[in-house]
């Protein structure tokens, strides 16, 4: 059907339009997978300026502003998991140079499975995801290298297992603090229903509540530069702190992500 024959379209009950839509979506996903790595090499902002200009010229002004504060960017695949994948890679990259933070995080990661089980998550299901998660976390240990982490995060199976477990950690935090988060859940859903529909499934995009929960679940400060199509010439920085105590060293952001509608990438300060 073209733009000029909308009026001539006749619904055919013999055609499964849902299957057609799903097939089209799978084709799009295959195309994305074939052309975009899960995590890219480091790029400079000039490398991506042309792509952004195709979408909206307003972005170019904001790219110029970002260049005054950030030196480079890593792209992530736009598959609905970009927030969790970007966070995971950027955080492990930071831990390569911070042994104290690494030990703190590894302790939290180790005991997280038992905490999720206590919240009602099935232990049998968690075992494989937690084991793989801990194996990847352990890659930070000496002689941990960025090349090894880069290889792991571009391995679809390993990378997706890591993302799944981060999603489960967010779900566990939300459900374990239901009274805090219920007022922010729409459509009259319970926190458990929200998690089952919007947090745990792969491919579901992340929003403000996911970032807040992940920061608090892991005790990791996260900064996000929000770059939208608004008329202002600069992006807007948001800090997601794991602590309400501004003197707590954990309030300092461990990493910075760049957000434009529907997508997260990793950016590196000057």
C-alpha atoms as a PDB file:
ATOM      1  CA  UNK A   1       0.000   0.000   0.000  1.00  0.00           C
ATOM      2  CA  UNK A   2       1.401   3.401  -1.000  1.00  0.00           C
ATOM      3  CA  UNK A   3       0.566   6.909   0.154  1.00  0.00           C
ATOM      4  CA  UNK A   4      -1.835   7.294  -2.767  1.00  0.00           C
ATOM      5  CA  UNK A   5      -3.927   4.191  -2.319  1.00  0.00           C
ATOM      6  CA  UNK A   6      -4.945   4.393   1.370  1.00  0.00           C
ATOM      7  CA  UNK A   7      -8.627   4.498   0.360  1.00  0.00           C
ATOM      8  CA  UNK A   8      -8.310   1.358  -1.721  1.00  0.00           C
ATOM      9  CA  UNK A   9      -7.054  -0.832   1.125  1.00  0.00           C
ATOM     10  CA  UNK A  10      -9.409  -3.695   1.908  1.00  0.00           C
ATOM     11  CA  UNK A  11      -9.020  -5.757   5.039  1.00  0.00           C
ATOM     12  CA  UNK A  12      -8.494  -9.420   4.212  1.00  0.00           C
ATOM     13  CA  UNK A  13      -9.495 -11.700   7.138  1.00  0.00           C
ATOM     14  CA  UNK A  14      -7.349 -14.462   5.659  1.00  0.00           C
ATOM     15  CA  UNK A  15      -4.169 -12.416   6.182  1.00  0.00           C
ATOM     16  CA  UNK A  16      -2.498 -12.507   9.590  1.00  0.00           C
ATOM     17  CA  UNK A  17      -1.455  -8.888   9.916  1.00  0.00           C
ATOM     18  CA  UNK A  18       0.079  -9.506  13.332  1.00  0.00           C
ATOM     19  CA  UNK A  19       2.441 -12.061  11.793  1.00  0.00           C
ATOM     20  CA  UNK A  20       3.293  -9.635   8.997  1.00  0.00           C
ATOM     21  CA  UNK A  21       4.109  -6.943  11.547  1.00  0.00           C
ATOM     22  CA  UNK A  22       6.208  -9.325  13.619  1.00  0.00           C
ATOM     23  CA  UNK A  23       8.088 -10.474  10.522  1.00  0.00           C
ATOM     24  CA  UNK A  24       8.784  -6.871   9.583  1.00  0.00           C
ATOM     25  CA  UNK A  25      10.035  -6.173  13.104  1.00  0.00           C
ATOM     26  CA  UNK A  26      12.346  -9.183  12.961  1.00  0.00           C
ATOM     27  CA  UNK A  27      13.743  -7.960   9.643  1.00  0.00           C
ATOM     28  CA  UNK A  28      14.427  -4.548  11.201  1.00  0.00           C
ATOM     29  CA  UNK A  29      16.138  -6.171  14.188  1.00  0.00           C
ATOM     30  CA  UNK A  30      18.302  -8.311  11.889  1.00  0.00           C
ATOM     31  CA  UNK A  31      19.317  -5.227   9.924  1.00  0.00           C
ATOM     32  CA  UNK A  32      20.231  -3.385  13.119  1.00  0.00           C
ATOM     33  CA  UNK A  33      22.215  -6.382  14.381  1.00  0.00           C
ATOM     34  CA  UNK A  34      24.105  -6.610  11.103  1.00  0.00           C
ATOM     35  CA  UNK A  35      25.101  -2.943  11.047  1.00  0.00           C
ATOM     36  CA  UNK A  36      25.480  -1.925  14.709  1.00  0.00           C
ATOM     37  CA  UNK A  37      27.783  -3.533  17.280  1.00  0.00           C
ATOM     38  CA  UNK A  38      26.381  -3.996  20.760  1.00  0.00           C
ATOM     39  CA  UNK A  39      29.125  -1.645  22.016  1.00  0.00           C
ATOM     40  CA  UNK A  40      31.203   0.423  19.598  1.00  0.00           C
ATOM     41  CA  UNK A  41      34.827   1.454  19.693  1.00  0.00           C
ATOM     42  CA  UNK A  42      35.506   4.945  21.039  1.00  0.00           C
ATOM     43  CA  UNK A  43      34.417   7.643  18.591  1.00  0.00           C
ATOM     44  CA  UNK A  44      34.734  11.401  18.602  1.00  0.00           C
ATOM     45  CA  UNK A  45      31.707  13.628  18.206  1.00  0.00           C
ATOM     46  CA  UNK A  46      32.611  14.599  14.659  1.00  0.00           C
ATOM     47  CA  UNK A  47      32.181  10.926  13.732  1.00  0.00           C
ATOM     48  CA  UNK A  48      28.492  11.054  14.652  1.00  0.00           C
ATOM     49  CA  UNK A  49      27.613  14.647  13.706  1.00  0.00           C
ATOM     50  CA  UNK A  50      26.398  13.725  10.220  1.00  0.00           C
ATOM     51  CA  UNK A  51      24.098  11.029  11.556  1.00  0.00           C
ATOM     52  CA  UNK A  52      22.587  13.433  14.086  1.00  0.00           C
ATOM     53  CA  UNK A  53      22.156  16.119  11.430  1.00  0.00           C
ATOM     54  CA  UNK A  54      20.040  13.734   9.357  1.00  0.00           C
ATOM     55  CA  UNK A  55      17.641  13.390  12.264  1.00  0.00           C
ATOM     56  CA  UNK A  56      17.398  16.991  13.365  1.00  0.00           C
ATOM     57  CA  UNK A  57      19.620  20.037  12.868  1.00  0.00           C
ATOM     58  CA  UNK A  58      18.902  21.079  16.468  1.00  0.00           C
ATOM     59  CA  UNK A  59      21.107  18.192  17.584  1.00  0.00           C
ATOM     60  CA  UNK A  60      24.156  19.687  15.884  1.00  0.00           C
ATOM     61  CA  UNK A  61      24.170  22.710  18.206  1.00  0.00           C
ATOM     62  CA  UNK A  62      23.957  20.412  21.190  1.00  0.00           C
ATOM     63  CA  UNK A  63      26.769  18.243  19.863  1.00  0.00           C
ATOM     64  CA  UNK A  64      28.931  21.371  19.683  1.00  0.00           C
ATOM     65  CA  UNK A  65      28.102  22.098  23.320  1.00  0.00           C
ATOM     66  CA  UNK A  66      28.894  18.531  24.376  1.00  0.00           C
ATOM     67  CA  UNK A  67      32.304  18.820  22.692  1.00  0.00           C
ATOM     68  CA  UNK A  68      33.234  21.533  25.206  1.00  0.00           C
ATOM     69  CA  UNK A  69      32.777  19.069  28.072  1.00  0.00           C
ATOM     70  CA  UNK A  70      33.241  15.580  26.648  1.00  0.00           C
ATOM     71  CA  UNK A  71      36.014  14.105  24.556  1.00  0.00           C
ATOM     72  CA  UNK A  72      34.486  10.948  23.101  1.00  0.00           C
ATOM     73  CA  UNK A  73      31.531   8.589  22.847  1.00  0.00           C
ATOM     74  CA  UNK A  74      30.778   4.884  22.577  1.00  0.00           C
ATOM     75  CA  UNK A  75      27.628   3.979  20.691  1.00  0.00           C
ATOM     76  CA  UNK A  76      25.343   1.153  21.815  1.00  0.00           C
ATOM     77  CA  UNK A  77      22.977  -0.884  19.684  1.00  0.00           C
ATOM     78  CA  UNK A  78      19.439   0.497  19.600  1.00  0.00           C
ATOM     79  CA  UNK A  79      17.675  -2.684  20.663  1.00  0.00           C
ATOM     80  CA  UNK A  80      15.715  -1.530  23.712  1.00  0.00           C
ATOM     81  CA  UNK A  81      18.482  -2.722  26.050  1.00  0.00           C
ATOM     82  CA  UNK A  82      20.854   0.181  25.434  1.00  0.00           C
ATOM     83  CA  UNK A  83      20.553   1.740  28.910  1.00  0.00           C
ATOM     84  CA  UNK A  84      21.472  -1.435  30.776  1.00  0.00           C
ATOM     85  CA  UNK A  85      24.179  -2.412  28.293  1.00  0.00           C
ATOM     86  CA  UNK A  86      25.719   1.073  28.302  1.00  0.00           C
ATOM     87  CA  UNK A  87      25.653   1.202  32.097  1.00  0.00           C
ATOM     88  CA  UNK A  88      27.184  -2.261  32.454  1.00  0.00           C
ATOM     89  CA  UNK A  89      30.055  -1.627  30.093  1.00  0.00           C
ATOM     90  CA  UNK A  90      30.831   1.885  31.352  1.00  0.00           C
ATOM     91  CA  UNK A  91      30.750   0.797  34.993  1.00  0.00           C
ATOM     92  CA  UNK A  92      33.045  -2.210  34.514  1.00  0.00           C
ATOM     93  CA  UNK A  93      35.349   0.021  32.493  1.00  0.00           C
ATOM     94  CA  UNK A  94      35.550   2.368  35.480  1.00  0.00           C
ATOM     95  CA  UNK A  95      36.133  -0.510  37.900  1.00  0.00           C
ATOM     96  CA  UNK A  96      39.271  -1.500  35.997  1.00  0.00           C
ATOM     97  CA  UNK A  97      40.894   1.555  37.609  1.00  0.00           C
ATOM     98  CA  UNK A  98      39.160   1.509  41.003  1.00  0.00           C
ATOM     99  CA  UNK A  99      39.932  -1.565  43.095  1.00  0.00           C
ATOM    100  CA  UNK A 100      38.168  -0.236  46.187  1.00  0.00           C
ATOM    101  CA  UNK A 101      34.910   0.341  44.323  1.00  0.00           C
ATOM    102  CA  UNK A 102      35.304  -3.005  42.594  1.00  0.00           C
ATOM    103  CA  UNK A 103      35.503  -4.882  45.909  1.00  0.00           C
ATOM    104  CA  UNK A 104      32.421  -3.036  47.203  1.00  0.00           C
ATOM    105  CA  UNK A 105      30.449  -3.800  44.059  1.00  0.00           C
ATOM    106  CA  UNK A 106      31.517  -7.453  43.905  1.00  0.00           C
ATOM    107  CA  UNK A 107      30.283  -7.953  47.480  1.00  0.00           C
ATOM    108  CA  UNK A 108      26.886  -6.481  46.553  1.00  0.00           C
ATOM    109  CA  UNK A 109      26.719  -8.570  43.381  1.00  0.00           C
ATOM    110  CA  UNK A 110      27.534 -11.808  45.224  1.00  0.00           C
ATOM    111  CA  UNK A 111      24.761 -11.459  47.801  1.00  0.00           C
ATOM    112  CA  UNK A 112      22.191 -10.089  45.362  1.00  0.00           C
ATOM    113  CA  UNK A 113      20.972 -13.531  44.274  1.00  0.00           C
ATOM    114  CA  UNK A 114      19.921 -14.481  47.809  1.00  0.00           C
ATOM    115  CA  UNK A 115      18.177 -11.129  48.197  1.00  0.00           C
ATOM    116  CA  UNK A 116      16.217 -11.696  44.994  1.00  0.00           C
ATOM    117  CA  UNK A 117      15.275 -15.206  46.114  1.00  0.00           C
ATOM    118  CA  UNK A 118      13.996 -13.773  49.414  1.00  0.00           C
ATOM    119  CA  UNK A 119      11.715 -11.493  47.365  1.00  0.00           C
ATOM    120  CA  UNK A 120      10.177 -14.484  45.608  1.00  0.00           C
ATOM    121  CA  UNK A 121      12.301 -14.768  42.476  1.00  0.00           C
ATOM    122  CA  UNK A 122      12.813 -18.457  41.589  1.00  0.00           C
ATOM    123  CA  UNK A 123      16.299 -19.623  42.550  1.00  0.00           C
ATOM    124  CA  UNK A 124      16.530 -22.098  39.686  1.00  0.00           C
ATOM    125  CA  UNK A 125      15.933 -19.327  37.142  1.00  0.00           C
ATOM    126  CA  UNK A 126      18.391 -16.966  38.796  1.00  0.00           C
ATOM    127  CA  UNK A 127      21.306 -19.411  39.032  1.00  0.00           C
ATOM    128  CA  UNK A 128      22.537 -19.240  35.443  1.00  0.00           C
ATOM    129  CA  UNK A 129      22.080 -15.496  35.115  1.00  0.00           C
ATOM    130  CA  UNK A 130      23.834 -14.775  38.407  1.00  0.00           C
ATOM    131  CA  UNK A 131      26.708 -17.156  37.644  1.00  0.00           C
ATOM    132  CA  UNK A 132      27.325 -15.542  34.249  1.00  0.00           C
ATOM    133  CA  UNK A 133      26.962 -12.072  35.759  1.00  0.00           C
ATOM    134  CA  UNK A 134      29.617 -12.857  38.380  1.00  0.00           C
ATOM    135  CA  UNK A 135      31.926 -14.397  35.767  1.00  0.00           C
ATOM    136  CA  UNK A 136      31.776 -11.163  33.766  1.00  0.00           C
ATOM    137  CA  UNK A 137      32.241  -9.001  36.852  1.00  0.00           C
ATOM    138  CA  UNK A 138      35.326 -11.083  37.705  1.00  0.00           C
ATOM    139  CA  UNK A 139      36.897 -10.104  34.382  1.00  0.00           C
ATOM    140  CA  UNK A 140      37.726  -6.779  36.019  1.00  0.00           C
ATOM    141  CA  UNK A 141      40.237  -8.494  38.324  1.00  0.00           C
ATOM    142  CA  UNK A 142      43.926  -8.337  37.528  1.00  0.00           C
ATOM    143  CA  UNK A 143      44.828  -8.735  34.765  1.00  0.00           C
ATOM    144  CA  UNK A 144      41.522  -7.221  33.676  1.00  0.00           C
ATOM    145  CA  UNK A 145      41.620  -5.353  30.375  1.00  0.00           C
ATOM    146  CA  UNK A 146      39.217  -3.137  28.481  1.00  0.00           C
ATOM    147  CA  UNK A 147      39.753  -5.367  25.432  1.00  0.00           C
ATOM    148  CA  UNK A 148      38.389  -8.389  27.307  1.00  0.00           C
ATOM    149  CA  UNK A 149      35.338  -6.501  28.569  1.00  0.00           C
ATOM    150  CA  UNK A 150      34.761  -5.090  25.074  1.00  0.00           C
ATOM    151  CA  UNK A 151      34.889  -8.619  23.631  1.00  0.00           C
ATOM    152  CA  UNK A 152      32.461  -9.903  26.267  1.00  0.00           C
ATOM    153  CA  UNK A 153      29.923  -7.127  25.792  1.00  0.00           C
ATOM    154  CA  UNK A 154      29.916  -7.715  22.040  1.00  0.00           C
ATOM    155  CA  UNK A 155      29.203 -11.404  22.548  1.00  0.00           C
ATOM    156  CA  UNK A 156      25.406 -11.471  22.224  1.00  0.00           C
ATOM    157  CA  UNK A 157      24.835 -14.335  24.635  1.00  0.00           C
ATOM    158  CA  UNK A 158      27.109 -13.105  27.430  1.00  0.00           C
ATOM    159  CA  UNK A 159      26.106  -9.487  27.005  1.00  0.00           C
ATOM    160  CA  UNK A 160      22.397 -10.306  27.114  1.00  0.00           C
ATOM    161  CA  UNK A 161      22.818 -12.421  30.265  1.00  0.00           C
ATOM    162  CA  UNK A 162      24.466  -9.441  31.950  1.00  0.00           C
ATOM    163  CA  UNK A 163      21.599  -7.182  30.876  1.00  0.00           C
ATOM    164  CA  UNK A 164      18.984  -9.665  32.076  1.00  0.00           C
ATOM    165  CA  UNK A 165      20.523  -9.757  35.537  1.00  0.00           C
ATOM    166  CA  UNK A 166      20.672  -5.963  35.771  1.00  0.00           C
ATOM    167  CA  UNK A 167      16.979  -5.927  34.869  1.00  0.00           C
ATOM    168  CA  UNK A 168      16.273  -8.426  37.642  1.00  0.00           C
ATOM    169  CA  UNK A 169      18.199  -6.278  40.128  1.00  0.00           C
ATOM    170  CA  UNK A 170      16.065  -3.264  39.203  1.00  0.00           C
ATOM    171  CA  UNK A 171      12.897  -5.331  39.477  1.00  0.00           C
ATOM    172  CA  UNK A 172      13.968  -6.602  42.890  1.00  0.00           C
ATOM    173  CA  UNK A 173      14.727  -3.116  44.159  1.00  0.00           C
ATOM    174  CA  UNK A 174      11.389  -1.754  42.960  1.00  0.00           C
ATOM    175  CA  UNK A 175       9.417  -4.630  44.459  1.00  0.00           C
ATOM    176  CA  UNK A 176      11.383  -4.499  47.700  1.00  0.00           C
ATOM    177  CA  UNK A 177      10.553  -0.790  48.057  1.00  0.00           C
ATOM    178  CA  UNK A 178       6.985  -0.906  46.756  1.00  0.00           C
ATOM    179  CA  UNK A 179       5.614   1.929  48.889  1.00  0.00           C
ATOM    180  CA  UNK A 180       8.277   4.301  47.577  1.00  0.00           C
ATOM    181  CA  UNK A 181       7.722   3.568  43.905  1.00  0.00           C
ATOM    182  CA  UNK A 182       4.001   2.775  43.655  1.00  0.00           C
ATOM    183  CA  UNK A 183       2.989   6.467  43.289  1.00  0.00           C
ATOM    184  CA  UNK A 184       5.123   6.629  40.127  1.00  0.00           C
ATOM    185  CA  UNK A 185       3.526   3.605  38.451  1.00  0.00           C
ATOM    186  CA  UNK A 186       0.830   4.481  35.921  1.00  0.00           C
ATOM    187  CA  UNK A 187      -2.245   2.678  34.584  1.00  0.00           C
ATOM    188  CA  UNK A 188      -3.265   1.436  38.039  1.00  0.00           C
ATOM    189  CA  UNK A 189      -0.670  -1.311  37.931  1.00  0.00           C
ATOM    190  CA  UNK A 190       1.010  -2.842  40.952  1.00  0.00           C
ATOM    191  CA  UNK A 191       4.788  -2.568  41.176  1.00  0.00           C
ATOM    192  CA  UNK A 192       5.042  -6.298  40.456  1.00  0.00           C
ATOM    193  CA  UNK A 193       2.894  -5.916  37.333  1.00  0.00           C
ATOM    194  CA  UNK A 194       4.983  -2.967  36.177  1.00  0.00           C
ATOM    195  CA  UNK A 195       8.177  -4.950  36.647  1.00  0.00           C
ATOM    196  CA  UNK A 196       6.770  -7.936  34.770  1.00  0.00           C
ATOM    197  CA  UNK A 197       5.737  -5.727  31.857  1.00  0.00           C
ATOM    198  CA  UNK A 198       8.294  -2.904  31.694  1.00  0.00           C
ATOM    199  CA  UNK A 199      11.453  -3.931  33.553  1.00  0.00           C
ATOM    200  CA  UNK A 200      12.204  -7.635  33.282  1.00  0.00           C
ATOM    201  CA  UNK A 201      11.474  -8.299  29.561  1.00  0.00           C
ATOM    202  CA  UNK A 202      14.398  -7.814  27.198  1.00  0.00           C
ATOM    203  CA  UNK A 203      13.957  -5.055  24.649  1.00  0.00           C
ATOM    204  CA  UNK A 204      11.842  -2.848  26.903  1.00  0.00           C
ATOM    205  CA  UNK A 205      13.186   0.705  26.907  1.00  0.00           C
ATOM    206  CA  UNK A 206      14.282   2.271  30.172  1.00  0.00           C
ATOM    207  CA  UNK A 207      12.915   5.408  31.755  1.00  0.00           C
ATOM    208  CA  UNK A 208      13.624   7.619  34.757  1.00  0.00           C
ATOM    209  CA  UNK A 209      12.380   5.036  37.259  1.00  0.00           C
ATOM    210  CA  UNK A 210      14.738   2.347  35.927  1.00  0.00           C
ATOM    211  CA  UNK A 211      17.767   4.601  36.395  1.00  0.00           C
ATOM    212  CA  UNK A 212      16.743   5.671  39.892  1.00  0.00           C
ATOM    213  CA  UNK A 213      16.239   2.053  40.943  1.00  0.00           C
ATOM    214  CA  UNK A 214      19.508   0.810  39.453  1.00  0.00           C
ATOM    215  CA  UNK A 215      21.508   3.603  41.096  1.00  0.00           C
ATOM    216  CA  UNK A 216      20.029   2.771  44.490  1.00  0.00           C
ATOM    217  CA  UNK A 217      20.162  -1.008  44.067  1.00  0.00           C
ATOM    218  CA  UNK A 218      23.895  -0.974  43.331  1.00  0.00           C
ATOM    219  CA  UNK A 219      24.949   2.158  45.197  1.00  0.00           C
ATOM    220  CA  UNK A 220      26.277   3.718  41.989  1.00  0.00           C
ATOM    221  CA  UNK A 221      25.884   7.353  40.967  1.00  0.00           C
ATOM    222  CA  UNK A 222      24.805   7.813  37.339  1.00  0.00           C
ATOM    223  CA  UNK A 223      24.807  11.019  35.286  1.00  0.00           C
ATOM    224  CA  UNK A 224      22.744  11.404  32.128  1.00  0.00           C
ATOM    225  CA  UNK A 225      22.981  14.201  29.586  1.00  0.00           C
ATOM    226  CA  UNK A 226      19.486  14.566  28.126  1.00  0.00           C
ATOM    227  CA  UNK A 227      19.591  15.771  24.529  1.00  0.00           C
ATOM    228  CA  UNK A 228      16.144  16.316  23.052  1.00  0.00           C
ATOM    229  CA  UNK A 229      14.718  18.353  20.178  1.00  0.00           C
ATOM    230  CA  UNK A 230      13.963  21.357  22.365  1.00  0.00           C
ATOM    231  CA  UNK A 231      15.069  24.775  21.187  1.00  0.00           C
ATOM    232  CA  UNK A 232      17.714  25.266  23.875  1.00  0.00           C
ATOM    233  CA  UNK A 233      21.277  24.972  22.597  1.00  0.00           C
ATOM    234  CA  UNK A 234      22.513  22.755  25.429  1.00  0.00           C
ATOM    235  CA  UNK A 235      21.632  19.331  26.745  1.00  0.00           C
ATOM    236  CA  UNK A 236      20.317  18.991  30.298  1.00  0.00           C
ATOM    237  CA  UNK A 237      22.327  17.104  32.904  1.00  0.00           C
ATOM    238  CA  UNK A 238      20.564  14.885  35.445  1.00  0.00           C
ATOM    239  CA  UNK A 239      22.317  13.167  38.357  1.00  0.00           C
ATOM    240  CA  UNK A 240      20.880   9.958  39.806  1.00  0.00           C
ATOM    241  CA  UNK A 241      22.324   9.463  43.249  1.00  0.00           C
ATOM    242  CA  UNK A 242      22.122   6.266  45.305  1.00  0.00           C
ATOM    243  CA  UNK A 243      22.121   8.295  48.517  1.00  0.00           C
ATOM    244  CA  UNK A 244      20.155  11.259  49.823  1.00  0.00           C
ATOM    245  CA  UNK A 245      23.228  12.310  51.815  1.00  0.00           C
ATOM    246  CA  UNK A 246      25.165  14.709  49.604  1.00  0.00           C
ATOM    247  CA  UNK A 247      28.301  14.097  51.697  1.00  0.00           C
ATOM    248  CA  UNK A 248      28.216  10.403  50.854  1.00  0.00           C
ATOM    249  CA  UNK A 249      31.004   9.721  48.312  1.00  0.00           C
ATOM    250  CA  UNK A 250      28.617   7.418  46.430  1.00  0.00           C
ATOM    251  CA  UNK A 251      26.623  10.480  45.357  1.00  0.00           C
ATOM    252  CA  UNK A 252      29.436  11.182  42.888  1.00  0.00           C
ATOM    253  CA  UNK A 253      28.612   9.794  39.462  1.00  0.00           C
ATOM    254  CA  UNK A 254      30.648   6.795  38.362  1.00  0.00           C
ATOM    255  CA  UNK A 255      29.766   7.236  34.687  1.00  0.00           C
ATOM    256  CA  UNK A 256      27.919   9.457  32.244  1.00  0.00           C
ATOM    257  CA  UNK A 257      25.441   8.440  29.562  1.00  0.00           C
ATOM    258  CA  UNK A 258      24.030  10.477  26.696  1.00  0.00           C
ATOM    259  CA  UNK A 259      20.284  10.201  26.149  1.00  0.00           C
ATOM    260  CA  UNK A 260      18.330  11.209  23.110  1.00  0.00           C
ATOM    261  CA  UNK A 261      14.719  10.082  22.796  1.00  0.00           C
ATOM    262  CA  UNK A 262      14.672   6.301  23.029  1.00  0.00           C
ATOM    263  CA  UNK A 263      18.419   5.720  23.182  1.00  0.00           C
ATOM    264  CA  UNK A 264      21.470   5.782  25.485  1.00  0.00           C
ATOM    265  CA  UNK A 265      25.172   5.952  24.597  1.00  0.00           C
ATOM    266  CA  UNK A 266      28.293   6.269  26.773  1.00  0.00           C
ATOM    267  CA  UNK A 267      30.192   9.570  26.873  1.00  0.00           C
ATOM    268  CA  UNK A 268      33.547  10.417  28.415  1.00  0.00           C
ATOM    269  CA  UNK A 269      34.346  13.755  30.081  1.00  0.00           C
ATOM    270  CA  UNK A 270      37.367  15.797  29.037  1.00  0.00           C
END
